[in-house]
Amino acid sequence: MIAMQTERFAAMGTRVELHGFGSHDPDVLRAARCAIEAVDDALTIHRPSPVTALNECLMSGRPYRIEAALLLSALTEIDAAYASTGGLFDPAADVARPEAGWGMISFDPDNARIEASRPVAIDLGGFGKGFALDRACEILRKSGVMSAFLCAGESSIAVVGEHPLGGAWPVAIPHPLRPGQYLAELELCDEALSISSTVGAGTNAPERAAMIRPTDAAVITAPRCTAVVDRNGGRAEVMSTALLVADLDQAARLLERAQARRFLFDFSREATTYDQPEMALQ
């Protein structure tokens, strides 16, 4: 019998589950939960937080001194993500203000200072779940947990180590348009998975913001789904979003540079899959 401990709670607007396997301190999962809740408190825009204080300054043209360590760390990763995706991942893009974007933000991580040349606001919702799972996994690993499965909703997953029975963790990605069918079956080992989609359950929620391609302000309406496996959950979230909004040439460039498993499914063309041939799963 393999011992298992579980934490279930709501954070970042979704249901979060943490499952730890094997013998370990019962307080470890609680610490991992606290790490996720701390990220939620730091990055949310739905209640007062360091991000809402930051946005007040950016919208009014004032510089902001970043005092929250989690926010500084998140912005540092975001700045790198903006560059690595050619601007396709942009937490300041706004369908209501096509001219807005991360490119008008000046971020100085060494001095923990940020300002913008014109009014902008950032939303880290497309990044925060993976970022939070990364911090929870870090705590579990440092505490000696050898096997754990973490998920934030059905679109953000991270695993620590191998499956408790040995080998990789099997994960199937449901087809968003065909109940009972799967787009892909993947295996994870000490990795994270992010799934983004313009179709399927939840995509028509009233509060869901329109997907926008930051490079030309185009609203993405094509039926698509992306999946990215990476060692880093935040990076996986960034790339799944970037692939979802990319045009075909941009997507090809992102996939050519892949250092992780990346998949783009376009349902307008009979679910054609674009991926690195060596990464394809049969």
C-alpha atoms as a PDB file:
ATOM      1  CA  MET A   1       0.000   0.000   0.000  1.00  0.00           C
ATOM      2  CA  ILE A   2       1.442   3.360  -1.082  1.00  0.00           C
ATOM      3  CA  ALA A   3       0.672   6.194   1.305  1.00  0.00           C
ATOM      4  CA  MET A   4      -1.031   9.226  -0.256  1.00  0.00           C
ATOM      5  CA  GLN A   5      -1.839  12.673   1.058  1.00  0.00           C
ATOM      6  CA  THR A   6      -4.093  15.172  -0.693  1.00  0.00           C
ATOM      7  CA  GLU A   7      -4.874  18.879  -0.510  1.00  0.00           C
ATOM      8  CA  ARG A   8      -7.878  20.275  -2.414  1.00  0.00           C
ATOM      9  CA  PHE A   9      -8.707  23.968  -2.446  1.00  0.00           C
ATOM     10  CA  ALA A  10      -9.718  26.885  -4.644  1.00  0.00           C
ATOM     11  CA  ALA A  11      -7.103  29.340  -5.882  1.00  0.00           C
ATOM     12  CA  MET A  12      -6.446  31.423  -8.998  1.00  0.00           C
ATOM     13  CA  GLY A  13     -10.059  31.060 -10.040  1.00  0.00           C
ATOM     14  CA  THR A  14      -9.974  27.276 -10.272  1.00  0.00           C
ATOM     15  CA  ARG A  15      -9.865  24.030  -8.307  1.00  0.00           C
ATOM     16  CA  VAL A  16      -6.369  23.019  -7.225  1.00  0.00           C
ATOM     17  CA  GLU A  17      -5.379  19.498  -6.206  1.00  0.00           C
ATOM     18  CA  LEU A  18      -2.075  18.345  -4.731  1.00  0.00           C
ATOM     19  CA  HIS A  19      -1.399  14.620  -4.344  1.00  0.00           C
ATOM     20  CA  GLY A  20       1.761  13.448  -2.593  1.00  0.00           C
ATOM     21  CA  PHE A  21       2.789   9.787  -2.522  1.00  0.00           C
ATOM     22  CA  GLY A  22       5.102   7.924  -0.166  1.00  0.00           C
ATOM     23  CA  SER A  23       6.194   8.704   3.365  1.00  0.00           C
ATOM     24  CA  HIS A  24       6.823  12.382   4.092  1.00  0.00           C
ATOM     25  CA  ASP A  25       5.998  15.061   6.627  1.00  0.00           C
ATOM     26  CA  PRO A  26       2.213  15.621   6.555  1.00  0.00           C
ATOM     27  CA  ASP A  27       2.823  19.382   6.686  1.00  0.00           C
ATOM     28  CA  VAL A  28       4.673  19.382   3.355  1.00  0.00           C
ATOM     29  CA  LEU A  29       1.544  19.455   1.195  1.00  0.00           C
ATOM     30  CA  ARG A  30       0.149  22.192   3.402  1.00  0.00           C
ATOM     31  CA  ALA A  31       3.327  24.216   2.743  1.00  0.00           C
ATOM     32  CA  ALA A  32       2.926  23.631  -0.994  1.00  0.00           C
ATOM     33  CA  ARG A  33      -0.667  24.838  -0.753  1.00  0.00           C
ATOM     34  CA  CYS A  34       0.469  27.972   1.079  1.00  0.00           C
ATOM     35  CA  ALA A  35       2.992  28.648  -1.708  1.00  0.00           C
ATOM     36  CA  ILE A  36       0.213  28.530  -4.324  1.00  0.00           C
ATOM     37  CA  GLU A  37      -2.064  30.736  -2.246  1.00  0.00           C
ATOM     38  CA  ALA A  38       0.773  33.229  -1.809  1.00  0.00           C
ATOM     39  CA  VAL A  39       1.187  33.453  -5.592  1.00  0.00           C
ATOM     40  CA  ASP A  40      -2.561  33.969  -5.942  1.00  0.00           C
ATOM     41  CA  ASP A  41      -2.470  36.778  -3.376  1.00  0.00           C
ATOM     42  CA  ALA A  42       0.478  38.428  -5.134  1.00  0.00           C
ATOM     43  CA  LEU A  43      -0.655  38.175  -8.768  1.00  0.00           C
ATOM     44  CA  THR A  44      -4.454  38.387  -8.728  1.00  0.00           C
ATOM     45  CA  ILE A  45      -6.278  41.298 -10.355  1.00  0.00           C
ATOM     46  CA  HIS A  46      -9.622  40.370  -8.797  1.00  0.00           C
ATOM     47  CA  ARG A  47      -8.942  41.848  -5.377  1.00  0.00           C
ATOM     48  CA  PRO A  48      -6.353  44.261  -3.946  1.00  0.00           C
ATOM     49  CA  SER A  49      -2.872  42.873  -4.533  1.00  0.00           C
ATOM     50  CA  PRO A  50       0.634  43.953  -5.551  1.00  0.00           C
ATOM     51  CA  VAL A  51      -0.480  43.642  -9.195  1.00  0.00           C
ATOM     52  CA  THR A  52      -3.506  45.898  -8.740  1.00  0.00           C
ATOM     53  CA  ALA A  53      -1.255  48.464  -7.019  1.00  0.00           C
ATOM     54  CA  LEU A  54       1.194  48.146  -9.914  1.00  0.00           C
ATOM     55  CA  ASN A  55      -1.581  48.645 -12.463  1.00  0.00           C
ATOM     56  CA  GLU A  56      -2.786  51.790 -10.723  1.00  0.00           C
ATOM     57  CA  CYS A  57       0.662  53.282 -11.237  1.00  0.00           C
ATOM     58  CA  LEU A  58       1.049  52.086 -14.823  1.00  0.00           C
ATOM     59  CA  MET A  59      -2.357  53.454 -15.797  1.00  0.00           C
ATOM     60  CA  SER A  60      -1.605  56.837 -14.250  1.00  0.00           C
ATOM     61  CA  GLY A  61       1.889  57.166 -15.710  1.00  0.00           C
ATOM     62  CA  ARG A  62       3.723  56.779 -12.419  1.00  0.00           C
ATOM     63  CA  PRO A  63       6.693  54.460 -11.789  1.00  0.00           C
ATOM     64  CA  TYR A  64       6.191  51.583  -9.379  1.00  0.00           C
ATOM     65  CA  ARG A  65       8.668  50.225  -6.857  1.00  0.00           C
ATOM     66  CA  ILE A  66       8.254  46.435  -6.661  1.00  0.00           C
ATOM     67  CA  GLU A  67       8.420  45.284  -3.056  1.00  0.00           C
ATOM     68  CA  ALA A  68       6.708  41.884  -3.320  1.00  0.00           C
ATOM     69  CA  ALA A  69       9.360  39.258  -4.064  1.00  0.00           C
ATOM     70  CA  LEU A  70       6.885  36.981  -5.859  1.00  0.00           C
ATOM     71  CA  LEU A  71       5.801  39.771  -8.182  1.00  0.00           C
ATOM     72  CA  LEU A  72       9.406  40.685  -8.971  1.00  0.00           C
ATOM     73  CA  SER A  73      10.194  37.062  -9.774  1.00  0.00           C
ATOM     74  CA  ALA A  74       7.081  36.739 -11.951  1.00  0.00           C
ATOM     75  CA  LEU A  75       7.833  39.929 -13.875  1.00  0.00           C
ATOM     76  CA  THR A  76      11.405  38.781 -14.474  1.00  0.00           C
ATOM     77  CA  GLU A  77      10.093  35.571 -16.043  1.00  0.00           C
ATOM     78  CA  ILE A  78       7.486  37.511 -18.023  1.00  0.00           C
ATOM     79  CA  ASP A  79      10.121  39.859 -19.440  1.00  0.00           C
ATOM     80  CA  ALA A  80      12.132  36.865 -20.662  1.00  0.00           C
ATOM     81  CA  ALA A  81       8.966  35.200 -22.030  1.00  0.00           C
ATOM     82  CA  TYR A  82       8.032  38.283 -24.038  1.00  0.00           C
ATOM     83  CA  ALA A  83      11.432  38.200 -25.711  1.00  0.00           C
ATOM     84  CA  SER A  84      11.539  34.430 -26.266  1.00  0.00           C
ATOM     85  CA  THR A  85       8.100  34.385 -27.949  1.00  0.00           C
ATOM     86  CA  GLY A  86       8.743  37.413 -30.149  1.00  0.00           C
ATOM     87  CA  GLY A  87       6.063  39.357 -28.293  1.00  0.00           C
ATOM     88  CA  LEU A  88       3.381  36.686 -28.735  1.00  0.00           C
ATOM     89  CA  PHE A  89       3.057  36.314 -24.979  1.00  0.00           C
ATOM     90  CA  ASP A  90       2.156  39.769 -23.729  1.00  0.00           C
ATOM     91  CA  PRO A  91       0.356  40.221 -20.385  1.00  0.00           C
ATOM     92  CA  ALA A  92      -0.270  43.888 -21.201  1.00  0.00           C
ATOM     93  CA  ALA A  93      -2.058  43.259 -24.520  1.00  0.00           C
ATOM     94  CA  ASP A  94      -5.632  44.542 -24.413  1.00  0.00           C
ATOM     95  CA  VAL A  95      -8.313  44.067 -27.049  1.00  0.00           C
ATOM     96  CA  ALA A  96      -9.894  47.370 -25.965  1.00  0.00           C
ATOM     97  CA  ARG A  97      -6.580  49.232 -26.423  1.00  0.00           C
ATOM     98  CA  PRO A  98      -4.756  47.750 -29.432  1.00  0.00           C
ATOM     99  CA  GLU A  99      -1.798  50.066 -28.883  1.00  0.00           C
ATOM    100  CA  ALA A 100      -1.159  48.677 -25.372  1.00  0.00           C
ATOM    101  CA  GLY A 101       1.547  46.104 -24.746  1.00  0.00           C
ATOM    102  CA  TRP A 102       4.624  45.051 -22.818  1.00  0.00           C
ATOM    103  CA  GLY A 103       6.792  46.862 -25.367  1.00  0.00           C
ATOM    104  CA  MET A 104       5.857  50.206 -23.816  1.00  0.00           C
ATOM    105  CA  ILE A 105       6.920  49.024 -20.363  1.00  0.00           C
ATOM    106  CA  SER A 106      10.356  49.703 -18.923  1.00  0.00           C
ATOM    107  CA  PHE A 107      11.262  47.031 -16.378  1.00  0.00           C
ATOM    108  CA  ASP A 108      14.421  47.248 -14.264  1.00  0.00           C
ATOM    109  CA  PRO A 109      14.686  44.028 -12.215  1.00  0.00           C
ATOM    110  CA  ASP A 110      17.983  45.019 -10.588  1.00  0.00           C
ATOM    111  CA  ASN A 111      16.382  48.071  -9.016  1.00  0.00           C
ATOM    112  CA  ALA A 112      12.900  46.500  -8.715  1.00  0.00           C
ATOM    113  CA  ARG A 113      11.336  49.312 -10.696  1.00  0.00           C
ATOM    114  CA  ILE A 114       8.770  49.363 -13.509  1.00  0.00           C
ATOM    115  CA  GLU A 115       7.060  52.114 -15.477  1.00  0.00           C
ATOM    116  CA  ALA A 116       5.269  52.600 -18.788  1.00  0.00           C
ATOM    117  CA  SER A 117       5.399  55.227 -21.524  1.00  0.00           C
ATOM    118  CA  ARG A 118       1.590  55.223 -21.848  1.00  0.00           C
ATOM    119  CA  PRO A 119      -1.302  53.794 -19.806  1.00  0.00           C
ATOM    120  CA  VAL A 120      -1.242  49.983 -19.626  1.00  0.00           C
ATOM    121  CA  ALA A 121      -2.346  47.270 -17.219  1.00  0.00           C
ATOM    122  CA  ILE A 122      -1.040  43.739 -16.881  1.00  0.00           C
ATOM    123  CA  ASP A 123      -2.898  40.481 -16.288  1.00  0.00           C
ATOM    124  CA  LEU A 124      -0.785  37.498 -15.251  1.00  0.00           C
ATOM    125  CA  GLY A 125      -3.659  35.019 -15.422  1.00  0.00           C
ATOM    126  CA  GLY A 126      -2.151  33.269 -18.443  1.00  0.00           C
ATOM    127  CA  PHE A 127       1.039  32.609 -16.528  1.00  0.00           C
ATOM    128  CA  GLY A 128       0.185  32.472 -12.849  1.00  0.00           C
ATOM    129  CA  LYS A 129      -1.017  28.862 -12.545  1.00  0.00           C
ATOM    130  CA  GLY A 130       2.198  27.405 -13.929  1.00  0.00           C
ATOM    131  CA  PHE A 131       4.255  29.865 -11.893  1.00  0.00           C
ATOM    132  CA  ALA A 132       2.399  28.809  -8.741  1.00  0.00           C
ATOM    133  CA  LEU A 133       2.796  25.092  -9.443  1.00  0.00           C
ATOM    134  CA  ASP A 134       6.528  25.634  -9.944  1.00  0.00           C
ATOM    135  CA  ARG A 135       6.800  27.075  -6.440  1.00  0.00           C
ATOM    136  CA  ALA A 136       4.778  24.248  -4.935  1.00  0.00           C
ATOM    137  CA  CYS A 137       6.936  21.645  -6.707  1.00  0.00           C
ATOM    138  CA  GLU A 138      10.080  23.358  -5.454  1.00  0.00           C
ATOM    139  CA  ILE A 139       8.872  23.012  -1.859  1.00  0.00           C
ATOM    140  CA  LEU A 140       7.960  19.351  -2.351  1.00  0.00           C
ATOM    141  CA  ARG A 141      11.329  18.508  -3.899  1.00  0.00           C
ATOM    142  CA  LYS A 142      13.276  20.313  -1.187  1.00  0.00           C
ATOM    143  CA  SER A 143      11.241  18.443   1.427  1.00  0.00           C
ATOM    144  CA  GLY A 144      12.185  15.087  -0.044  1.00  0.00           C
ATOM    145  CA  VAL A 145       8.891  14.226  -1.753  1.00  0.00           C
ATOM    146  CA  MET A 146       9.768  11.832  -4.562  1.00  0.00           C
ATOM    147  CA  SER A 147       6.360  11.470  -6.236  1.00  0.00           C
ATOM    148  CA  ALA A 148       3.556  14.014  -6.526  1.00  0.00           C
ATOM    149  CA  PHE A 149       0.829  15.099  -8.938  1.00  0.00           C
ATOM    150  CA  LEU A 150      -0.411  18.706  -8.937  1.00  0.00           C
ATOM    151  CA  CYS A 151      -3.095  20.338 -11.048  1.00  0.00           C
ATOM    152  CA  ALA A 152      -4.729  23.751 -11.249  1.00  0.00           C
ATOM    153  CA  GLY A 153      -7.930  23.121 -13.138  1.00  0.00           C
ATOM    154  CA  GLU A 154      -7.666  20.732 -16.062  1.00  0.00           C
ATOM    155  CA  SER A 155      -5.259  22.849 -18.090  1.00  0.00           C
ATOM    156  CA  SER A 156      -2.230  23.206 -15.797  1.00  0.00           C
ATOM    157  CA  ILE A 157      -0.468  20.111 -14.471  1.00  0.00           C
ATOM    158  CA  ALA A 158       2.891  19.457 -12.831  1.00  0.00           C
ATOM    159  CA  VAL A 159       4.443  16.264 -11.525  1.00  0.00           C
ATOM    160  CA  VAL A 160       7.314  15.628  -9.157  1.00  0.00           C
ATOM    161  CA  GLY A 161       9.433  12.606  -9.970  1.00  0.00           C
ATOM    162  CA  GLU A 162       7.968   9.395 -11.332  1.00  0.00           C
ATOM    163  CA  HIS A 163       4.587   7.764 -10.877  1.00  0.00           C
ATOM    164  CA  PRO A 164       4.381   6.036  -7.447  1.00  0.00           C
ATOM    165  CA  LEU A 165       4.227   2.670  -9.236  1.00  0.00           C
ATOM    166  CA  GLY A 166       7.280   3.531 -11.319  1.00  0.00           C
ATOM    167  CA  GLY A 167       7.803   5.063 -14.721  1.00  0.00           C
ATOM    168  CA  ALA A 168       6.331   8.230 -16.143  1.00  0.00           C
ATOM    169  CA  TRP A 169       2.923   9.709 -15.345  1.00  0.00           C
ATOM    170  CA  PRO A 170       0.441   8.996 -18.178  1.00  0.00           C
ATOM    171  CA  VAL A 171      -1.701  12.015 -19.105  1.00  0.00           C
ATOM    172  CA  ALA A 172      -4.346  12.122 -21.841  1.00  0.00           C
ATOM    173  CA  ILE A 173      -5.532  15.392 -23.393  1.00  0.00           C
ATOM    174  CA  PRO A 174      -9.281  15.238 -24.114  1.00  0.00           C
ATOM    175  CA  HIS A 175     -10.489  16.357 -27.525  1.00  0.00           C
ATOM    176  CA  PRO A 176     -12.388  19.613 -26.844  1.00  0.00           C
ATOM    177  CA  LEU A 177     -14.949  18.933 -29.586  1.00  0.00           C
ATOM    178  CA  ARG A 178     -15.336  15.148 -29.495  1.00  0.00           C
ATOM    179  CA  PRO A 179     -16.370  13.719 -26.110  1.00  0.00           C
ATOM    180  CA  GLY A 180     -14.621  10.475 -25.292  1.00  0.00           C
ATOM    181  CA  GLN A 181     -11.739  11.072 -27.715  1.00  0.00           C
ATOM    182  CA  TYR A 182      -8.210  12.279 -27.002  1.00  0.00           C
ATOM    183  CA  LEU A 183      -5.910  14.617 -28.868  1.00  0.00           C
ATOM    184  CA  ALA A 184      -2.747  13.099 -27.450  1.00  0.00           C
ATOM    185  CA  GLU A 185      -1.474  10.794 -24.748  1.00  0.00           C
ATOM    186  CA  LEU A 186       1.667  12.068 -23.054  1.00  0.00           C
ATOM    187  CA  GLU A 187       4.075  10.867 -20.384  1.00  0.00           C
ATOM    188  CA  LEU A 188       5.425  13.265 -17.775  1.00  0.00           C
ATOM    189  CA  CYS A 189       8.365  12.850 -15.442  1.00  0.00           C
ATOM    190  CA  ASP A 190       9.374  15.796 -13.271  1.00  0.00           C
ATOM    191  CA  GLU A 191       7.669  18.076 -15.821  1.00  0.00           C
ATOM    192  CA  ALA A 192       4.745  20.430 -16.314  1.00  0.00           C
ATOM    193  CA  LEU A 193       1.965  20.491 -18.911  1.00  0.00           C
ATOM    194  CA  SER A 194      -0.066  23.494 -20.030  1.00  0.00           C
ATOM    195  CA  ILE A 195      -3.093  23.305 -22.326  1.00  0.00           C
ATOM    196  CA  SER A 196      -4.704  26.333 -23.996  1.00  0.00           C
ATOM    197  CA  SER A 197      -7.747  26.334 -26.242  1.00  0.00           C
ATOM    198  CA  THR A 198     -10.188  28.586 -28.046  1.00  0.00           C
ATOM    199  CA  VAL A 199     -12.848  25.859 -28.021  1.00  0.00           C
ATOM    200  CA  GLY A 200     -14.368  23.490 -25.494  1.00  0.00           C
ATOM    201  CA  ALA A 201     -15.717  23.782 -21.970  1.00  0.00           C
ATOM    202  CA  GLY A 202     -15.127  27.128 -20.307  1.00  0.00           C
ATOM    203  CA  THR A 203     -14.080  29.072 -23.386  1.00  0.00           C
ATOM    204  CA  ASN A 204     -17.468  30.807 -23.643  1.00  0.00           C
ATOM    205  CA  ALA A 205     -17.580  31.919 -20.014  1.00  0.00           C
ATOM    206  CA  PRO A 206     -18.812  35.542 -19.748  1.00  0.00           C
ATOM    207  CA  GLU A 207     -15.744  36.680 -17.802  1.00  0.00           C
ATOM    208  CA  ARG A 208     -13.243  35.114 -20.217  1.00  0.00           C
ATOM    209  CA  ALA A 209     -11.215  37.747 -22.044  1.00  0.00           C
ATOM    210  CA  ALA A 210     -10.852  37.553 -25.809  1.00  0.00           C
ATOM    211  CA  MET A 211      -7.628  35.975 -27.045  1.00  0.00           C
ATOM    212  CA  ILE A 212      -5.576  38.554 -28.908  1.00  0.00           C
ATOM    213  CA  ARG A 213      -2.429  38.265 -31.029  1.00  0.00           C
ATOM    214  CA  PRO A 214      -0.257  41.025 -29.546  1.00  0.00           C
ATOM    215  CA  THR A 215       1.864  41.512 -32.660  1.00  0.00           C
ATOM    216  CA  ASP A 216      -1.056  42.771 -34.787  1.00  0.00           C
ATOM    217  CA  ALA A 217      -3.981  43.048 -32.305  1.00  0.00           C
ATOM    218  CA  ALA A 218      -5.955  40.356 -34.166  1.00  0.00           C
ATOM    219  CA  VAL A 219      -8.650  38.620 -32.113  1.00  0.00           C
ATOM    220  CA  ILE A 220      -8.188  34.844 -32.316  1.00  0.00           C
ATOM    221  CA  THR A 221     -11.370  33.046 -33.307  1.00  0.00           C
ATOM    222  CA  ALA A 222      -9.938  29.993 -35.104  1.00  0.00           C
ATOM    223  CA  PRO A 223     -10.747  26.685 -33.350  1.00  0.00           C
ATOM    224  CA  ARG A 224      -7.421  25.682 -31.858  1.00  0.00           C
ATOM    225  CA  CYS A 225      -5.851  23.847 -28.967  1.00  0.00           C
ATOM    226  CA  THR A 226      -2.214  23.819 -27.863  1.00  0.00           C
ATOM    227  CA  ALA A 227      -0.283  21.687 -25.406  1.00  0.00           C
ATOM    228  CA  VAL A 228       3.240  22.242 -24.119  1.00  0.00           C
ATOM    229  CA  VAL A 229       5.394  20.071 -21.868  1.00  0.00           C
ATOM    230  CA  ASP A 230       8.322  21.776 -20.169  1.00  0.00           C
ATOM    231  CA  ARG A 231      10.452  21.388 -17.059  1.00  0.00           C
ATOM    232  CA  ASN A 232       9.149  24.785 -15.965  1.00  0.00           C
ATOM    233  CA  GLY A 233       5.413  25.311 -15.503  1.00  0.00           C
ATOM    234  CA  GLY A 234       5.528  29.046 -16.096  1.00  0.00           C
ATOM    235  CA  ARG A 235       7.355  28.511 -19.377  1.00  0.00           C
ATOM    236  CA  ALA A 236       4.810  25.903 -20.423  1.00  0.00           C
ATOM    237  CA  GLU A 237       1.954  28.361 -19.797  1.00  0.00           C
ATOM    238  CA  VAL A 238       3.723  31.065 -21.774  1.00  0.00           C
ATOM    239  CA  MET A 239       4.381  28.851 -24.776  1.00  0.00           C
ATOM    240  CA  SER A 240       0.902  27.275 -24.907  1.00  0.00           C
ATOM    241  CA  THR A 241      -0.577  30.787 -25.001  1.00  0.00           C
ATOM    242  CA  ALA A 242       1.931  32.025 -27.589  1.00  0.00           C
ATOM    243  CA  LEU A 243       1.227  29.061 -29.879  1.00  0.00           C
ATOM    244  CA  LEU A 244      -2.516  29.579 -29.549  1.00  0.00           C
ATOM    245  CA  VAL A 245      -2.365  33.170 -30.820  1.00  0.00           C
ATOM    246  CA  ALA A 246       0.462  32.752 -33.349  1.00  0.00           C
ATOM    247  CA  ASP A 247      -0.119  32.886 -37.084  1.00  0.00           C
ATOM    248  CA  LEU A 248       1.168  29.916 -39.080  1.00  0.00           C
ATOM    249  CA  ASP A 249       4.611  31.386 -39.750  1.00  0.00           C
ATOM    250  CA  GLN A 250       5.046  32.465 -36.135  1.00  0.00           C
ATOM    251  CA  ALA A 251       3.925  29.046 -34.891  1.00  0.00           C
ATOM    252  CA  ALA A 252       6.387  27.300 -37.210  1.00  0.00           C
ATOM    253  CA  ARG A 253       9.233  29.384 -35.796  1.00  0.00           C
ATOM    254  CA  LEU A 254       8.243  28.608 -32.213  1.00  0.00           C
ATOM    255  CA  LEU A 255       8.043  24.908 -32.984  1.00  0.00           C
ATOM    256  CA  GLU A 256      11.368  24.881 -34.840  1.00  0.00           C
ATOM    257  CA  ARG A 257      13.080  26.277 -31.750  1.00  0.00           C
ATOM    258  CA  ALA A 258      11.382  23.801 -29.438  1.00  0.00           C
ATOM    259  CA  GLN A 259      13.408  22.521 -26.525  1.00  0.00           C
ATOM    260  CA  ALA A 260      10.301  20.872 -25.119  1.00  0.00           C
ATOM    261  CA  ARG A 261       7.298  19.016 -26.481  1.00  0.00           C
ATOM    262  CA  ARG A 262       4.967  21.483 -28.159  1.00  0.00           C
ATOM    263  CA  PHE A 263       1.759  20.714 -30.038  1.00  0.00           C
ATOM    264  CA  LEU A 264      -0.664  22.845 -32.027  1.00  0.00           C
ATOM    265  CA  PHE A 265      -4.021  21.378 -33.115  1.00  0.00           C
ATOM    266  CA  ASP A 266      -6.022  23.367 -35.653  1.00  0.00           C
ATOM    267  CA  PHE A 267      -9.578  22.042 -35.862  1.00  0.00           C
ATOM    268  CA  SER A 268     -10.448  24.208 -38.836  1.00  0.00           C
ATOM    269  CA  ARG A 269      -8.213  21.919 -40.861  1.00  0.00           C
ATOM    270  CA  GLU A 270      -9.275  18.513 -39.588  1.00  0.00           C
ATOM    271  CA  ALA A 271      -7.175  18.684 -36.414  1.00  0.00           C
ATOM    272  CA  THR A 272      -3.875  18.874 -38.265  1.00  0.00           C
ATOM    273  CA  THR A 273      -1.024  18.687 -35.775  1.00  0.00           C
ATOM    274  CA  TYR A 274       2.083  20.832 -36.038  1.00  0.00           C
ATOM    275  CA  ASP A 275       4.931  19.489 -33.954  1.00  0.00           C
ATOM    276  CA  GLN A 276       8.517  18.473 -34.050  1.00  0.00           C
ATOM    277  CA  PRO A 277       8.547  15.061 -35.798  1.00  0.00           C
ATOM    278  CA  GLU A 278      10.829  13.596 -33.181  1.00  0.00           C
ATOM    279  CA  MET A 279       8.445  14.788 -30.466  1.00  0.00           C
ATOM    280  CA  ALA A 280       5.272  13.329 -31.997  1.00  0.00           C
ATOM    281  CA  LEU A 281       3.510  10.641 -29.990  1.00  0.00           C
ATOM    282  CA  GLN A 282       1.838   7.829 -31.929  1.00  0.00           C
END
